[in-house]
C-alpha atoms as a PDB file:
ATOM      1  CA  MET A   1       2.151-128.807 170.239  1.00  0.00           C
ATOM      2  CA  LYS A   2       4.540-129.464 167.200  1.00  0.00           C
ATOM      3  CA  ARG A   3       7.210-127.884 169.362  1.00  0.00           C
ATOM      4  CA  LEU A   4       6.438-130.513 172.383  1.00  0.00           C
ATOM      5  CA  PRO A   5       7.935-133.510 169.958  1.00  0.00           C
ATOM      6  CA  VAL A   6      10.708-131.285 168.645  1.00  0.00           C
ATOM      7  CA  ILE A   7      11.663-130.641 172.566  1.00  0.00           C
ATOM      8  CA  GLY A   8      11.546-133.939 173.824  1.00  0.00           C
ATOM      9  CA  MET A   9      13.776-135.292 170.584  1.00  0.00           C
ATOM     10  CA  LEU A  10      16.192-132.844 171.527  1.00  0.00           C
ATOM     11  CA  CYS A  11      16.115-133.749 174.727  1.00  0.00           C
ATOM     12  CA  VAL A  12      16.263-137.666 174.402  1.00  0.00           C
ATOM     13  CA  THR A  13      19.244-137.113 171.848  1.00  0.00           C
ATOM     14  CA  MET A  14      21.343-134.511 174.034  1.00  0.00           C
ATOM     15  CA  ALA A  15      20.823-137.350 177.049  1.00  0.00           C
ATOM     16  CA  PHE A  16      22.335-140.292 175.008  1.00  0.00           C
ATOM     17  CA  GLY A  17      24.936-137.574 173.968  1.00  0.00           C
ATOM     18  CA  LEU A  18      25.645-137.473 177.337  1.00  0.00           C
ATOM     19  CA  THR A  19      25.646-140.943 178.595  1.00  0.00           C
ATOM     20  CA  ALA A  20      27.671-141.894 175.330  1.00  0.00           C
ATOM     21  CA  CYS A  21      30.532-139.212 177.321  1.00  0.00           C
ATOM     22  CA  SER A  22      30.730-139.991 180.461  1.00  0.00           C
ATOM     23  CA  ASP A  23      31.360-143.262 179.478  1.00  0.00           C
ATOM     24  CA  ASP A  24      34.151-143.061 177.689  1.00  0.00           C
ATOM     25  CA  SER A  25      35.802-140.679 180.630  1.00  0.00           C
ATOM     26  CA  ASP A  26      34.682-143.420 182.729  1.00  0.00           C
ATOM     27  CA  SER A  27      36.453-146.401 181.284  1.00  0.00           C
ATOM     28  CA  ALA A  28      39.162-144.270 180.826  1.00  0.00           C
ATOM     29  CA  SER A  29      39.674-143.544 184.522  1.00  0.00           C
ATOM     30  CA  GLU A  30      39.408-146.983 185.124  1.00  0.00           C
ATOM     31  CA  GLU A  31      41.677-147.970 182.910  1.00  0.00           C
ATOM     32  CA  ALA A  32      43.942-145.403 184.634  1.00  0.00           C
ATOM     33  CA  THR A  33      42.695-146.756 188.608  1.00  0.00           C
ATOM     34  CA  GLU A  34      43.071-150.594 186.995  1.00  0.00           C
ATOM     35  CA  ALA A  35      46.818-149.604 185.837  1.00  0.00           C
ATOM     36  CA  ALA A  36      48.099-148.125 189.479  1.00  0.00           C
ATOM     37  CA  ALA A  37      46.006-151.178 191.120  1.00  0.00           C
ATOM     38  CA  ASP A  38      48.133-153.379 188.488  1.00  0.00           C
ATOM     39  CA  LEU A  39      51.079-151.265 189.251  1.00  0.00           C
ATOM     40  CA  CYS A  40      50.336-151.644 193.408  1.00  0.00           C
ATOM     41  CA  SER A  41      50.503-155.558 192.808  1.00  0.00           C
ATOM     42  CA  SER A  42      53.178-154.968 191.329  1.00  0.00           C
ATOM     43  CA  LEU A  43      55.151-153.512 193.560  1.00  0.00           C
ATOM     44  CA  THR A  44      53.544-155.248 196.896  1.00  0.00           C
ATOM     45  CA  GLU A  45      55.123-158.836 195.172  1.00  0.00           C
ATOM     46  CA  LEU A  46      58.585-157.243 194.296  1.00  0.00           C
ATOM     47  CA  LYS A  47      58.926-155.800 197.971  1.00  0.00           C
ATOM     48  CA  ALA A  48      57.880-159.158 199.212  1.00  0.00           C
ATOM     49  CA  ASP A  49      59.911-161.267 197.225  1.00  0.00           C
ATOM     50  CA  ASN A  50      63.145-159.140 197.934  1.00  0.00           C
ATOM     51  CA  ALA A  51      62.059-159.414 201.740  1.00  0.00           C
ATOM     52  CA  LYS A  52      62.255-163.020 201.256  1.00  0.00           C
ATOM     53  CA  LEU A  53      65.744-162.388 199.790  1.00  0.00           C
ATOM     54  CA  LYS A  54      66.956-160.286 202.418  1.00  0.00           C
ATOM     55  CA  ALA A  55      65.634-162.375 205.191  1.00  0.00           C
ATOM     56  CA  LEU A  56      67.431-164.956 204.462  1.00  0.00           C
ATOM     57  CA  ASN A  57      70.542-165.854 206.856  1.00  0.00           C
ATOM     58  CA  PRO A  58      74.032-165.416 204.926  1.00  0.00           C
ATOM     59  CA  ALA A  59      75.650-167.696 207.576  1.00  0.00           C
ATOM     60  CA  SER A  60      73.216-170.808 206.086  1.00  0.00           C
ATOM     61  CA  ALA A  61      71.653-169.744 202.749  1.00  0.00           C
ATOM     62  CA  THR A  62      72.161-171.761 200.417  1.00  0.00           C
ATOM     63  CA  LYS A  63      73.019-170.500 196.597  1.00  0.00           C
ATOM     64  CA  ASP A  64      69.974-172.486 194.650  1.00  0.00           C
ATOM     65  CA  GLN A  65      67.971-170.451 197.820  1.00  0.00           C
ATOM     66  CA  ILE A  66      69.394-167.466 196.671  1.00  0.00           C
ATOM     67  CA  LYS A  67      69.188-168.339 193.253  1.00  0.00           C
ATOM     68  CA  ASP A  68      65.268-169.127 193.957  1.00  0.00           C
ATOM     69  CA  ALA A  69      64.618-165.896 195.374  1.00  0.00           C
ATOM     70  CA  TYR A  70      66.923-163.991 193.554  1.00  0.00           C
ATOM     71  CA  GLU A  71      64.486-164.620 190.022  1.00  0.00           C
ATOM     72  CA  ALA A  72      61.501-164.187 192.076  1.00  0.00           C
ATOM     73  CA  VAL A  73      62.492-160.817 191.994  1.00  0.00           C
ATOM     74  CA  GLN A  74      63.567-160.616 188.660  1.00  0.00           C
ATOM     75  CA  LYS A  75      60.445-162.163 187.646  1.00  0.00           C
ATOM     76  CA  ASP A  76      58.092-159.496 189.698  1.00  0.00           C
ATOM     77  CA  TRP A  77      60.793-156.752 188.475  1.00  0.00           C
ATOM     78  CA  ASP A  78      59.580-157.552 184.788  1.00  0.00           C
ATOM     79  CA  SER A  79      55.838-157.415 186.264  1.00  0.00           C
ATOM     80  CA  VAL A  80      56.521-153.850 187.423  1.00  0.00           C
ATOM     81  CA  LYS A  81      58.417-153.143 184.276  1.00  0.00           C
ATOM     82  CA  SER A  82      54.958-153.047 182.408  1.00  0.00           C
ATOM     83  CA  ASN A  83      53.130-151.105 184.734  1.00  0.00           C
ATOM     84  CA  ARG A  84      55.387-148.407 185.168  1.00  0.00           C
ATOM     85  CA  GLY A  85      54.008-145.874 183.545  1.00  0.00           C
ATOM     86  CA  LYS A  86      52.156-144.821 186.642  1.00  0.00           C
ATOM     87  CA  MET A  87      55.147-144.376 187.964  1.00  0.00           C
ATOM     88  CA  LYS A  88      56.515-140.504 188.903  1.00  0.00           C
ATOM     89  CA  ASP A  89      59.876-141.046 186.330  1.00  0.00           C
ATOM     90  CA  ALA A  90      62.271-139.942 189.278  1.00  0.00           C
ATOM     91  CA  GLN A  91      61.088-143.558 190.851  1.00  0.00           C
ATOM     92  CA  ARG A  92      60.707-145.366 187.731  1.00  0.00           C
ATOM     93  CA  GLU A  93      64.488-144.323 187.634  1.00  0.00           C
ATOM     94  CA  ALA A  94      64.320-145.257 191.381  1.00  0.00           C
ATOM     95  CA  VAL A  95      63.087-148.307 191.096  1.00  0.00           C
ATOM     96  CA  GLN A  96      64.705-149.316 187.211  1.00  0.00           C
ATOM     97  CA  GLY A  97      68.373-148.756 188.563  1.00  0.00           C
ATOM     98  CA  ALA A  98      68.349-150.714 192.188  1.00  0.00           C
ATOM     99  CA  ALA A  99      66.522-153.624 189.740  1.00  0.00           C
ATOM    100  CA  GLU A 100      69.265-153.625 187.265  1.00  0.00           C
ATOM    101  CA  ASP A 101      72.236-153.108 190.106  1.00  0.00           C
ATOM    102  CA  LEU A 102      70.546-156.481 192.014  1.00  0.00           C
ATOM    103  CA  LYS A 103      70.785-158.043 188.419  1.00  0.00           C
ATOM    104  CA  LYS A 104      74.435-156.968 187.197  1.00  0.00           C
ATOM    105  CA  ALA A 105      75.937-157.693 191.236  1.00  0.00           C
ATOM    106  CA  TYR A 106      73.774-161.456 190.945  1.00  0.00           C
ATOM    107  CA  GLN A 107      75.362-162.061 187.513  1.00  0.00           C
ATOM    108  CA  ASP A 108      79.155-161.245 188.826  1.00  0.00           C
ATOM    109  CA  LEU A 109      79.131-163.570 191.430  1.00  0.00           C
ATOM    110  CA  PRO A 110      81.942-166.430 190.576  1.00  0.00           C
ATOM    111  CA  GLY A 111      80.303-169.178 189.913  1.00  0.00           C
ATOM    112  CA  ASP A 112      81.758-170.897 193.056  1.00  0.00           C
ATOM    113  CA  THR A 113      81.143-168.064 195.250  1.00  0.00           C
ATOM    114  CA  THR A 114      78.643-169.619 198.613  1.00  0.00           C
ATOM    115  CA  GLY A 115      75.566-169.120 199.346  1.00  0.00           C
ATOM    116  CA  LYS A 116      76.711-166.813 202.489  1.00  0.00           C
ATOM    117  CA  ASP A 117      79.280-165.079 199.895  1.00  0.00           C
ATOM    118  CA  ALA A 118      76.349-164.565 197.311  1.00  0.00           C
ATOM    119  CA  ARG A 119      74.195-163.116 200.437  1.00  0.00           C
ATOM    120  CA  THR A 120      76.740-160.957 201.837  1.00  0.00           C
ATOM    121  CA  THR A 121      77.746-159.498 198.396  1.00  0.00           C
ATOM    122  CA  LEU A 122      74.213-158.563 197.318  1.00  0.00           C
ATOM    123  CA  GLN A 123      72.533-157.050 200.406  1.00  0.00           C
ATOM    124  CA  PRO A 124      73.567-153.228 199.119  1.00  0.00           C
ATOM    125  CA  GLN A 125      71.384-153.475 196.504  1.00  0.00           C
ATOM    126  CA  ILE A 126      68.550-155.361 197.776  1.00  0.00           C
ATOM    127  CA  GLN A 127      68.851-152.522 200.889  1.00  0.00           C
ATOM    128  CA  LYS A 128      68.821-150.375 197.464  1.00  0.00           C
ATOM    129  CA  LEU A 129      65.836-152.009 195.879  1.00  0.00           C
ATOM    130  CA  GLU A 130      63.997-152.367 199.509  1.00  0.00           C
ATOM    131  CA  GLU A 131      64.402-148.443 200.190  1.00  0.00           C
ATOM    132  CA  THR A 132      63.432-147.527 196.015  1.00  0.00           C
ATOM    133  CA  THR A 133      59.830-149.869 196.025  1.00  0.00           C
ATOM    134  CA  ALA A 134      58.716-148.212 199.451  1.00  0.00           C
ATOM    135  CA  ALA A 135      59.042-144.956 198.764  1.00  0.00           C
ATOM    136  CA  ALA A 136      57.206-145.921 194.418  1.00  0.00           C
ATOM    137  CA  SER A 137      55.010-147.391 196.563  1.00  0.00           C
ATOM    138  CA  ALA A 138      53.904-144.559 199.492  1.00  0.00           C
ATOM    139  CA  ASP A 139      53.875-142.182 197.341  1.00  0.00           C
ATOM    140  CA  LEU A 140      51.501-143.963 194.522  1.00  0.00           C
ATOM    141  CA  LYS A 141      49.433-144.595 198.450  1.00  0.00           C
ATOM    142  CA  CYS A 142      49.449-148.378 197.974  1.00  0.00           C
END
């Protein structure tokens, strides 16, 4: 009869121990899933704002429209940077390179550049960012 309470206590102790272990792995798994979801959300916003920048008509876009669209892309890139740990190294470098190329091209525009000239000049960098974010999103299954 003394064995039954001891065995019962061992079973209860093991059950609590297993529950504690599974909570740690579940929370780590949840954190990883949440980080991937945050990254996908950030990439989606980056792609959307980059598409808005790309959609600006070079013939009629104003410099202020270009500036606003560019700033939205940069804000989204900052969000991607804070979540990019889930990306593969090659993807991370490709998206980062494309974002930095766009930033440099924008910053190198002369002060008197028209909206038309700015949009035309930025086209290759906009296209490159579009391609790299699409590839990263596809690989992450966003």
